[in-house]
PDB file of N, CA and C in Angstrom:
ATOM      1  N   MET A   1      62.364  27.310  98.224  1.00  0.00           N
ATOM      2  CA  MET A   1      63.677  26.795  98.567  1.00  0.00           C
ATOM      3  C   MET A   1      63.514  25.477  99.318  1.00  0.00           C
ATOM      4  N   GLU A   2      64.383  24.575  98.985  1.00  0.00           N
ATOM      5  CA  GLU A   2      64.297  23.224  99.518  1.00  0.00           C
ATOM      6  C   GLU A   2      65.648  22.850 100.127  1.00  0.00           C
ATOM      7  N   GLU A   3      65.630  22.201 101.273  1.00  0.00           N
ATOM      8  CA  GLU A   3      66.882  21.786 101.897  1.00  0.00           C
ATOM      9  C   GLU A   3      67.082  20.290 101.701  1.00  0.00           C
ATOM     10  N   VAL A   4      68.269  19.935 101.174  1.00  0.00           N
ATOM     11  CA  VAL A   4      68.630  18.539 100.936  1.00  0.00           C
ATOM     12  C   VAL A   4      70.083  18.337 101.334  1.00  0.00           C
ATOM     13  N   ILE A   5      70.522  17.090 101.369  1.00  0.00           N
ATOM     14  CA  ILE A   5      71.919  16.802 101.666  1.00  0.00           C
ATOM     15  C   ILE A   5      72.632  16.480 100.356  1.00  0.00           C
ATOM     16  N   LEU A   6      73.693  17.244 100.057  1.00  0.00           N
ATOM     17  CA  LEU A   6      74.480  17.050  98.847  1.00  0.00           C
ATOM     18  C   LEU A   6      75.953  16.906  99.197  1.00  0.00           C
ATOM     19  N   PHE A   7      76.700  16.287  98.301  1.00  0.00           N
ATOM     20  CA  PHE A   7      78.129  16.084  98.495  1.00  0.00           C
ATOM     21  C   PHE A   7      78.896  17.240  97.866  1.00  0.00           C
ATOM     22  N   CYS A   8      79.805  17.845  98.638  1.00  0.00           N
ATOM     23  CA  CYS A   8      80.671  18.910  98.134  1.00  0.00           C
ATOM     24  C   CYS A   8      82.012  18.293  97.756  1.00  0.00           C
ATOM     25  N   ARG A   9      82.404  18.430  96.515  1.00  0.00           N
ATOM     26  CA  ARG A   9      83.668  17.851  96.049  1.00  0.00           C
ATOM     27  C   ARG A   9      84.885  18.617  96.564  1.00  0.00           C
ATOM     28  N   LYS A  10      84.695  19.887  96.870  1.00  0.00           N
ATOM     29  CA  LYS A  10      85.827  20.691  97.326  1.00  0.00           C
ATOM     30  C   LYS A  10      86.238  20.335  98.750  1.00  0.00           C
ATOM     31  N   CYS A  11      85.289  20.191  99.662  1.00  0.00           N
ATOM     32  CA  CYS A  11      85.641  19.869 101.048  1.00  0.00           C
ATOM     33  C   CYS A  11      85.381  18.388 101.379  1.00  0.00           C
ATOM     34  N   ASN A  12      84.938  17.612 100.376  1.00  0.00           N
ATOM     35  CA  ASN A  12      84.707  16.166 100.528  1.00  0.00           C
ATOM     36  C   ASN A  12      83.783  15.810 101.691  1.00  0.00           C
ATOM     37  N   GLN A  13      82.702  16.538 101.824  1.00  0.00           N
ATOM     38  CA  GLN A  13      81.748  16.268 102.891  1.00  0.00           C
ATOM     39  C   GLN A  13      80.328  16.359 102.345  1.00  0.00           C
ATOM     40  N   GLU A  14      79.443  15.606 102.959  1.00  0.00           N
ATOM     41  CA  GLU A  14      78.027  15.748 102.662  1.00  0.00           C
ATOM     42  C   GLU A  14      77.473  16.802 103.607  1.00  0.00           C
ATOM     43  N   GLN A  15      76.771  17.763 103.038  1.00  0.00           N
ATOM     44  CA  GLN A  15      76.271  18.878 103.825  1.00  0.00           C
ATOM     45  C   GLN A  15      74.806  19.127 103.524  1.00  0.00           C
ATOM     46  N   PRO A  16      74.044  19.556 104.516  1.00  0.00           N
ATOM     47  CA  PRO A  16      72.691  20.023 104.187  1.00  0.00           C
ATOM     48  C   PRO A  16      72.817  21.387 103.502  1.00  0.00           C
ATOM     49  N   VAL A  17      72.187  21.524 102.362  1.00  0.00           N
ATOM     50  CA  VAL A  17      72.232  22.788 101.624  1.00  0.00           C
ATOM     51  C   VAL A  17      70.811  23.199 101.261  1.00  0.00           C
ATOM     52  N   THR A  18      70.648  24.472 101.034  1.00  0.00           N
ATOM     53  CA  THR A  18      69.374  24.997 100.588  1.00  0.00           C
ATOM     54  C   THR A  18      69.466  25.238  99.092  1.00  0.00           C
ATOM     55  N   ILE A  19      68.580  24.591  98.345  1.00  0.00           N
ATOM     56  CA  ILE A  19      68.563  24.751  96.894  1.00  0.00           C
ATOM     57  C   ILE A  19      67.663  25.929  96.565  1.00  0.00           C
ATOM     58  N   GLN A  20      68.178  26.812  95.715  1.00  0.00           N
ATOM     59  CA  GLN A  20      67.414  27.969  95.272  1.00  0.00           C
ATOM     60  C   GLN A  20      67.224  27.868  93.765  1.00  0.00           C
ATOM     61  N   VAL A  21      66.092  28.331  93.276  1.00  0.00           N
ATOM     62  CA  VAL A  21      65.838  28.342  91.840  1.00  0.00           C
ATOM     63  C   VAL A  21      66.091  29.753  91.339  1.00  0.00           C
ATOM     64  N   LYS A  22      67.033  29.884  90.417  1.00  0.00           N
ATOM     65  CA  LYS A  22      67.337  31.167  89.787  1.00  0.00           C
ATOM     66  C   LYS A  22      67.194  30.959  88.288  1.00  0.00           C
ATOM     67  N   SER A  23      66.314  31.711  87.672  1.00  0.00           N
ATOM     68  CA  SER A  23      65.914  31.503  86.278  1.00  0.00           C
ATOM     69  C   SER A  23      65.373  30.091  86.177  1.00  0.00           C
ATOM     70  N   ASN A  24      66.045  29.242  85.416  1.00  0.00           N
ATOM     71  CA  ASN A  24      65.587  27.857  85.317  1.00  0.00           C
ATOM     72  C   ASN A  24      66.632  26.918  85.905  1.00  0.00           C
ATOM     73  N   ASN A  25      67.553  27.456  86.673  1.00  0.00           N
ATOM     74  CA  ASN A  25      68.636  26.665  87.236  1.00  0.00           C
ATOM     75  C   ASN A  25      68.478  26.501  88.734  1.00  0.00           C
ATOM     76  N   HIS A  26      68.877  25.346  89.216  1.00  0.00           N
ATOM     77  CA  HIS A  26      68.905  25.112  90.653  1.00  0.00           C
ATOM     78  C   HIS A  26      70.327  25.337  91.117  1.00  0.00           C
ATOM     79  N   VAL A  27      70.495  26.155  92.142  1.00  0.00           N
ATOM     80  CA  VAL A  27      71.825  26.475  92.643  1.00  0.00           C
ATOM     81  C   VAL A  27      71.905  26.199  94.138  1.00  0.00           C
ATOM     82  N   ALA A  28      73.112  25.827  94.574  1.00  0.00           N
ATOM     83  CA  ALA A  28      73.352  25.594  95.999  1.00  0.00           C
ATOM     84  C   ALA A  28      74.819  25.863  96.290  1.00  0.00           C
ATOM     85  N   TYR A  29      75.095  26.237  97.526  1.00  0.00           N
ATOM     86  CA  TYR A  29      76.464  26.497  97.969  1.00  0.00           C
ATOM     87  C   TYR A  29      76.728  25.695  99.225  1.00  0.00           C
ATOM     88  N   CYS A  30      77.939  25.168  99.330  1.00  0.00           N
ATOM     89  CA  CYS A  30      78.334  24.376 100.495  1.00  0.00           C
ATOM     90  C   CYS A  30      78.350  25.275 101.733  1.00  0.00           C
ATOM     91  N   ALA A  31      77.809  24.783 102.835  1.00  0.00           N
ATOM     92  CA  ALA A  31      77.759  25.554 104.073  1.00  0.00           C
ATOM     93  C   ALA A  31      79.130  25.633 104.740  1.00  0.00           C
ATOM     94  N   VAL A  32      80.025  24.682 104.432  1.00  0.00           N
ATOM     95  CA  VAL A  32      81.349  24.651 105.061  1.00  0.00           C
ATOM     96  C   VAL A  32      82.349  25.531 104.313  1.00  0.00           C
ATOM     97  N   CYS A  33      82.520  25.280 103.006  1.00  0.00           N
ATOM     98  CA  CYS A  33      83.547  26.001 102.241  1.00  0.00           C
ATOM     99  C   CYS A  33      82.971  27.076 101.320  1.00  0.00           C
ATOM    100  N   ASP A  34      81.658  27.216 101.282  1.00  0.00           N
ATOM    101  CA  ASP A  34      80.955  28.215 100.483  1.00  0.00           C
ATOM    102  C   ASP A  34      81.204  28.086  98.980  1.00  0.00           C
ATOM    103  N   SER A  35      81.551  26.873  98.520  1.00  0.00           N
ATOM    104  CA  SER A  35      81.750  26.683  97.083  1.00  0.00           C
ATOM    105  C   SER A  35      80.433  26.311  96.417  1.00  0.00           C
ATOM    106  N   TYR A  36      80.343  26.620  95.141  1.00  0.00           N
ATOM    107  CA  TYR A  36      79.158  26.328  94.342  1.00  0.00           C
ATOM    108  C   TYR A  36      79.079  24.822  94.104  1.00  0.00           C
ATOM    109  N   ILE A  37      77.915  24.233  94.296  1.00  0.00           N
ATOM    110  CA  ILE A  37      77.725  22.800  94.065  1.00  0.00           C
ATOM    111  C   ILE A  37      77.013  22.632  92.731  1.00  0.00           C
ATOM    112  N   LYS A  38      77.667  21.926  91.799  1.00  0.00           N
ATOM    113  CA  LYS A  38      77.142  21.744  90.452  1.00  0.00           C
ATOM    114  C   LYS A  38      76.251  20.518  90.360  1.00  0.00           C
ATOM    115  N   ASN A  39      75.564  20.425  89.230  1.00  0.00           N
ATOM    116  CA  ASN A  39      74.762  19.251  88.874  1.00  0.00           C
ATOM    117  C   ASN A  39      73.732  18.883  89.932  1.00  0.00           C
ATOM    118  N   ILE A  40      72.924  19.823  90.300  1.00  0.00           N
ATOM    119  CA  ILE A  40      71.875  19.573  91.273  1.00  0.00           C
ATOM    120  C   ILE A  40      70.674  18.983  90.536  1.00  0.00           C
ATOM    121  N   PRO A  41      70.275  17.781  90.910  1.00  0.00           N
ATOM    122  CA  PRO A  41      69.152  17.166  90.207  1.00  0.00           C
ATOM    123  C   PRO A  41      67.835  17.857  90.541  1.00  0.00           C
ATOM    124  N   HIS A  42      66.958  17.881  89.563  1.00  0.00           N
ATOM    125  CA  HIS A  42      65.612  18.370  89.822  1.00  0.00           C
ATOM    126  C   HIS A  42      64.640  17.581  88.977  1.00  0.00           C
ATOM    127  N   SER A  43      63.429  17.569  89.417  1.00  0.00           N
ATOM    128  CA  SER A  43      62.429  16.728  88.778  1.00  0.00           C
ATOM    129  C   SER A  43      61.642  17.498  87.730  1.00  0.00           C
ATOM    130  N   THR A  44      60.884  16.761  86.954  1.00  0.00           N
ATOM    131  CA  THR A  44      60.005  17.353  85.958  1.00  0.00           C
ATOM    132  C   THR A  44      58.990  18.276  86.619  1.00  0.00           C
ATOM    133  N   GLU A  45      58.630  17.984  87.843  1.00  0.00           N
ATOM    134  CA  GLU A  45      57.661  18.794  88.574  1.00  0.00           C
ATOM    135  C   GLU A  45      58.132  20.236  88.719  1.00  0.00           C
ATOM    136  N   ASP A  46      59.452  20.453  88.744  1.00  0.00           N
ATOM    137  CA  ASP A  46      59.999  21.785  88.971  1.00  0.00           C
ATOM    138  C   ASP A  46      60.240  22.578  87.696  1.00  0.00           C
ATOM    139  N   SER A  47      60.268  21.923  86.547  1.00  0.00           N
ATOM    140  CA  SER A  47      60.594  22.603  85.295  1.00  0.00           C
ATOM    141  C   SER A  47      59.565  23.684  84.995  1.00  0.00           C
ATOM    142  N   GLN A  48      60.096  24.823  84.539  1.00  0.00           N
ATOM    143  CA  GLN A  48      59.202  25.925  84.213  1.00  0.00           C
ATOM    144  C   GLN A  48      59.718  26.666  82.995  1.00  0.00           C
ATOM    145  N   PHE A  49      58.823  27.419  82.372  1.00  0.00           N
ATOM    146  CA  PHE A  49      59.211  28.248  81.241  1.00  0.00           C
ATOM    147  C   PHE A  49      60.026  29.414  81.776  1.00  0.00           C
ATOM    148  N   TYR A  50      61.150  29.685  81.146  1.00  0.00           N
ATOM    149  CA  TYR A  50      62.019  30.756  81.621  1.00  0.00           C
ATOM    150  C   TYR A  50      62.026  31.939  80.664  1.00  0.00           C
ATOM    151  N   PHE A  51      61.050  31.980  79.755  1.00  0.00           N
ATOM    152  CA  PHE A  51      60.935  33.058  78.785  1.00  0.00           C
ATOM    153  C   PHE A  51      59.509  33.072  78.245  1.00  0.00           C
ATOM    154  N   GLY A  52      59.178  34.117  77.524  1.00  0.00           N
ATOM    155  CA  GLY A  52      57.949  34.157  76.750  1.00  0.00           C
ATOM    156  C   GLY A  52      56.653  34.327  77.508  1.00  0.00           C
ATOM    157  N   LYS A  53      55.597  33.968  76.831  1.00  0.00           N
ATOM    158  CA  LYS A  53      54.224  34.148  77.283  1.00  0.00           C
ATOM    159  C   LYS A  53      53.948  33.531  78.656  1.00  0.00           C
ATOM    160  N   TYR A  54      54.550  32.397  78.930  1.00  0.00           N
ATOM    161  CA  TYR A  54      54.303  31.677  80.190  1.00  0.00           C
ATOM    162  C   TYR A  54      55.522  31.683  81.117  1.00  0.00           C
ATOM    163  N   LYS A  55      56.338  32.696  81.029  1.00  0.00           N
ATOM    164  CA  LYS A  55      57.532  32.785  81.863  1.00  0.00           C
ATOM    165  C   LYS A  55      57.168  32.626  83.343  1.00  0.00           C
ATOM    166  N   GLY A  56      57.878  31.696  84.025  1.00  0.00           N
ATOM    167  CA  GLY A  56      57.631  31.450  85.436  1.00  0.00           C
ATOM    168  C   GLY A  56      56.558  30.407  85.709  1.00  0.00           C
ATOM    169  N   THR A  57      55.852  29.985  84.662  1.00  0.00           N
ATOM    170  CA  THR A  57      54.805  28.971  84.806  1.00  0.00           C
ATOM    171  C   THR A  57      55.436  27.590  84.726  1.00  0.00           C
ATOM    172  N   LYS A  58      55.033  26.711  85.608  1.00  0.00           N
ATOM    173  CA  LYS A  58      55.538  25.347  85.548  1.00  0.00           C
ATOM    174  C   LYS A  58      54.992  24.668  84.301  1.00  0.00           C
ATOM    175  N   ILE A  59      55.837  23.904  83.640  1.00  0.00           N
ATOM    176  CA  ILE A  59      55.439  23.215  82.416  1.00  0.00           C
ATOM    177  C   ILE A  59      54.263  22.290  82.681  1.00  0.00           C
ATOM    178  N   LYS A  60      54.251  21.650  83.833  1.00  0.00           N
ATOM    179  CA  LYS A  60      53.157  20.724  84.163  1.00  0.00           C
ATOM    180  C   LYS A  60      51.810  21.434  84.292  1.00  0.00           C
ATOM    181  N   ASP A  61      51.800  22.764  84.469  1.00  0.00           N
ATOM    182  CA  ASP A  61      50.566  23.517  84.618  1.00  0.00           C
ATOM    183  C   ASP A  61      50.081  24.153  83.320  1.00  0.00           C
ATOM    184  N   CYS A  62      50.896  24.114  82.284  1.00  0.00           N
ATOM    185  CA  CYS A  62      50.542  24.745  81.011  1.00  0.00           C
ATOM    186  C   CYS A  62      49.566  23.855  80.245  1.00  0.00           C
ATOM    187  N   THR A  63      48.524  24.471  79.701  1.00  0.00           N
ATOM    188  CA  THR A  63      47.541  23.721  78.912  1.00  0.00           C
ATOM    189  C   THR A  63      47.476  24.207  77.467  1.00  0.00           C
ATOM    190  N   ASP A  64      48.341  25.133  77.086  1.00  0.00           N
ATOM    191  CA  ASP A  64      48.358  25.699  75.738  1.00  0.00           C
ATOM    192  C   ASP A  64      49.173  24.790  74.817  1.00  0.00           C
ATOM    193  N   LEU A  65      48.493  23.826  74.222  1.00  0.00           N
ATOM    194  CA  LEU A  65      49.127  22.810  73.388  1.00  0.00           C
ATOM    195  C   LEU A  65      49.823  23.423  72.172  1.00  0.00           C
ATOM    196  N   GLN A  66      49.164  24.360  71.514  1.00  0.00           N
ATOM    197  CA  GLN A  66      49.752  24.993  70.323  1.00  0.00           C
ATOM    198  C   GLN A  66      51.040  25.737  70.674  1.00  0.00           C
ATOM    199  N   TYR A  67      51.045  26.428  71.782  1.00  0.00           N
ATOM    200  CA  TYR A  67      52.234  27.178  72.209  1.00  0.00           C
ATOM    201  C   TYR A  67      53.408  26.237  72.458  1.00  0.00           C
ATOM    202  N   MET A  68      53.147  25.131  73.152  1.00  0.00           N
ATOM    203  CA  MET A  68      54.232  24.195  73.455  1.00  0.00           C
ATOM    204  C   MET A  68      54.770  23.535  72.192  1.00  0.00           C
ATOM    205  N   LYS A  69      53.893  23.220  71.242  1.00  0.00           N
ATOM    206  CA  LYS A  69      54.358  22.656  69.969  1.00  0.00           C
ATOM    207  C   LYS A  69      55.185  23.680  69.198  1.00  0.00           C
ATOM    208  N   TRP A  70      54.759  24.939  69.245  1.00  0.00           N
ATOM    209  CA  TRP A  70      55.498  25.999  68.575  1.00  0.00           C
ATOM    210  C   TRP A  70      56.899  26.151  69.178  1.00  0.00           C
ATOM    211  N   ILE A  71      56.978  26.123  70.501  1.00  0.00           N
ATOM    212  CA  ILE A  71      58.265  26.262  71.183  1.00  0.00           C
ATOM    213  C   ILE A  71      59.227  25.163  70.745  1.00  0.00           C
ATOM    214  N   LEU A  72      58.753  23.924  70.708  1.00  0.00           N
ATOM    215  CA  LEU A  72      59.631  22.812  70.325  1.00  0.00           C
ATOM    216  C   LEU A  72      60.196  22.989  68.924  1.00  0.00           C
ATOM    217  N   GLY A  73      59.420  23.572  68.026  1.00  0.00           N
ATOM    218  CA  GLY A  73      59.871  23.736  66.653  1.00  0.00           C
ATOM    219  C   GLY A  73      60.647  25.000  66.377  1.00  0.00           C
ATOM    220  N   ASN A  74      60.560  25.998  67.266  1.00  0.00           N
ATOM    221  CA  ASN A  74      61.125  27.313  66.943  1.00  0.00           C
ATOM    222  C   ASN A  74      62.115  27.888  67.940  1.00  0.00           C
ATOM    223  N   VAL A  75      62.269  27.276  69.096  1.00  0.00           N
ATOM    224  CA  VAL A  75      63.134  27.842  70.136  1.00  0.00           C
ATOM    225  C   VAL A  75      64.217  26.839  70.506  1.00  0.00           C
ATOM    226  N   LYS A  76      65.450  27.328  70.652  1.00  0.00           N
ATOM    227  CA  LYS A  76      66.543  26.470  71.080  1.00  0.00           C
ATOM    228  C   LYS A  76      66.406  26.230  72.587  1.00  0.00           C
ATOM    229  N   LEU A  77      66.284  24.951  72.965  1.00  0.00           N
ATOM    230  CA  LEU A  77      66.050  24.582  74.356  1.00  0.00           C
ATOM    231  C   LEU A  77      67.045  23.533  74.817  1.00  0.00           C
ATOM    232  N   THR A  78      67.207  23.421  76.124  1.00  0.00           N
ATOM    233  CA  THR A  78      68.027  22.340  76.665  1.00  0.00           C
ATOM    234  C   THR A  78      67.276  21.024  76.483  1.00  0.00           C
ATOM    235  N   ASP A  79      68.007  19.930  76.488  1.00  0.00           N
ATOM    236  CA  ASP A  79      67.383  18.619  76.330  1.00  0.00           C
ATOM    237  C   ASP A  79      66.362  18.361  77.428  1.00  0.00           C
ATOM    238  N   LYS A  80      66.654  18.783  78.639  1.00  0.00           N
ATOM    239  CA  LYS A  80      65.757  18.576  79.781  1.00  0.00           C
ATOM    240  C   LYS A  80      64.417  19.277  79.556  1.00  0.00           C
ATOM    241  N   ILE A  81      64.470  20.531  79.133  1.00  0.00           N
ATOM    242  CA  ILE A  81      63.237  21.289  78.900  1.00  0.00           C
ATOM    243  C   ILE A  81      62.473  20.700  77.719  1.00  0.00           C
ATOM    244  N   LYS A  82      63.191  20.312  76.657  1.00  0.00           N
ATOM    245  CA  LYS A  82      62.537  19.676  75.512  1.00  0.00           C
ATOM    246  C   LYS A  82      61.789  18.422  75.942  1.00  0.00           C
ATOM    247  N   ASP A  83      62.450  17.602  76.735  1.00  0.00           N
ATOM    248  CA  ASP A  83      61.830  16.363  77.207  1.00  0.00           C
ATOM    249  C   ASP A  83      60.600  16.651  78.063  1.00  0.00           C
ATOM    250  N   ASP A  84      60.691  17.637  78.929  1.00  0.00           N
ATOM    251  CA  ASP A  84      59.573  17.975  79.807  1.00  0.00           C
ATOM    252  C   ASP A  84      58.382  18.513  79.011  1.00  0.00           C
ATOM    253  N   ILE A  85      58.668  19.354  78.013  1.00  0.00           N
ATOM    254  CA  ILE A  85      57.594  19.892  77.183  1.00  0.00           C
ATOM    255  C   ILE A  85      56.976  18.781  76.331  1.00  0.00           C
ATOM    256  N   SER A  86      57.807  17.933  75.755  1.00  0.00           N
ATOM    257  CA  SER A  86      57.301  16.814  74.945  1.00  0.00           C
ATOM    258  C   SER A  86      56.415  15.900  75.774  1.00  0.00           C
ATOM    259  N   TYR A  87      56.834  15.628  76.995  1.00  0.00           N
ATOM    260  CA  TYR A  87      56.043  14.778  77.886  1.00  0.00           C
ATOM    261  C   TYR A  87      54.696  15.440  78.193  1.00  0.00           C
ATOM    262  N   ARG A  88      54.710  16.726  78.462  1.00  0.00           N
ATOM    263  CA  ARG A  88      53.465  17.452  78.755  1.00  0.00           C
ATOM    264  C   ARG A  88      52.541  17.439  77.543  1.00  0.00           C
ATOM    265  N   ILE A  89      53.100  17.626  76.350  1.00  0.00           N
ATOM    266  CA  ILE A  89      52.305  17.580  75.124  1.00  0.00           C
ATOM    267  C   ILE A  89      51.638  16.217  74.977  1.00  0.00           C
ATOM    268  N   SER A  90      52.401  15.162  75.218  1.00  0.00           N
ATOM    269  CA  SER A  90      51.834  13.818  75.077  1.00  0.00           C
ATOM    270  C   SER A  90      50.702  13.589  76.080  1.00  0.00           C
ATOM    271  N   LEU A  91      50.849  14.107  77.291  1.00  0.00           N
ATOM    272  CA  LEU A  91      49.773  13.977  78.278  1.00  0.00           C
ATOM    273  C   LEU A  91      48.512  14.730  77.829  1.00  0.00           C
ATOM    274  N   LEU A  92      48.690  15.948  77.330  1.00  0.00           N
ATOM    275  CA  LEU A  92      47.538  16.739  76.885  1.00  0.00           C
ATOM    276  C   LEU A  92      46.846  16.099  75.691  1.00  0.00           C
ATOM    277  N   GLU A  93      47.642  15.576  74.742  1.00  0.00           N
ATOM    278  CA  GLU A  93      47.050  14.922  73.590  1.00  0.00           C
ATOM    279  C   GLU A  93      46.289  13.669  73.988  1.00  0.00           C
ATOM    280  N   TYR A  94      46.791  12.952  74.976  1.00  0.00           N
ATOM    281  CA  TYR A  94      46.100  11.756  75.465  1.00  0.00           C
ATOM    282  C   TYR A  94      44.771  12.139  76.115  1.00  0.00           C
ATOM    283  N   GLU A  95      44.774  13.234  76.865  1.00  0.00           N
ATOM    284  CA  GLU A  95      43.552  13.689  77.529  1.00  0.00           C
ATOM    285  C   GLU A  95      42.493  14.128  76.520  1.00  0.00           C
ATOM    286  N   LEU A  96      42.936  14.642  75.371  1.00  0.00           N
ATOM    287  CA  LEU A  96      41.999  15.140  74.356  1.00  0.00           C
ATOM    288  C   LEU A  96      41.340  14.001  73.573  1.00  0.00           C
ATOM    289  N   LYS A  97      41.904  12.813  73.620  1.00  0.00           N
ATOM    290  CA  LYS A  97      41.336  11.679  72.874  1.00  0.00           C
ATOM    291  C   LYS A  97      40.106  11.138  73.537  1.00  0.00           C
TER     292      LYS A  97
END
């Protein structure tokens, strides 16, 4: 869990909030009005597999190139996860050269 300052649209204030990771989503609630804060940014460093063989493993730590290529071709993913996996694949392929 990470604490950052985010803007709450409901109470129009910037508040320190604690971001929690649930499944593959980052969630936070305003400390003043207890409303859910949407669109919490997160970095590629935090992206992880939320299903399958490597569930809970950060994408940046995965070295199974064949598995990641298979996922891109066979599993419906969000654009963010696709981009993170594609980037990881490109890094691994570069290292293999």
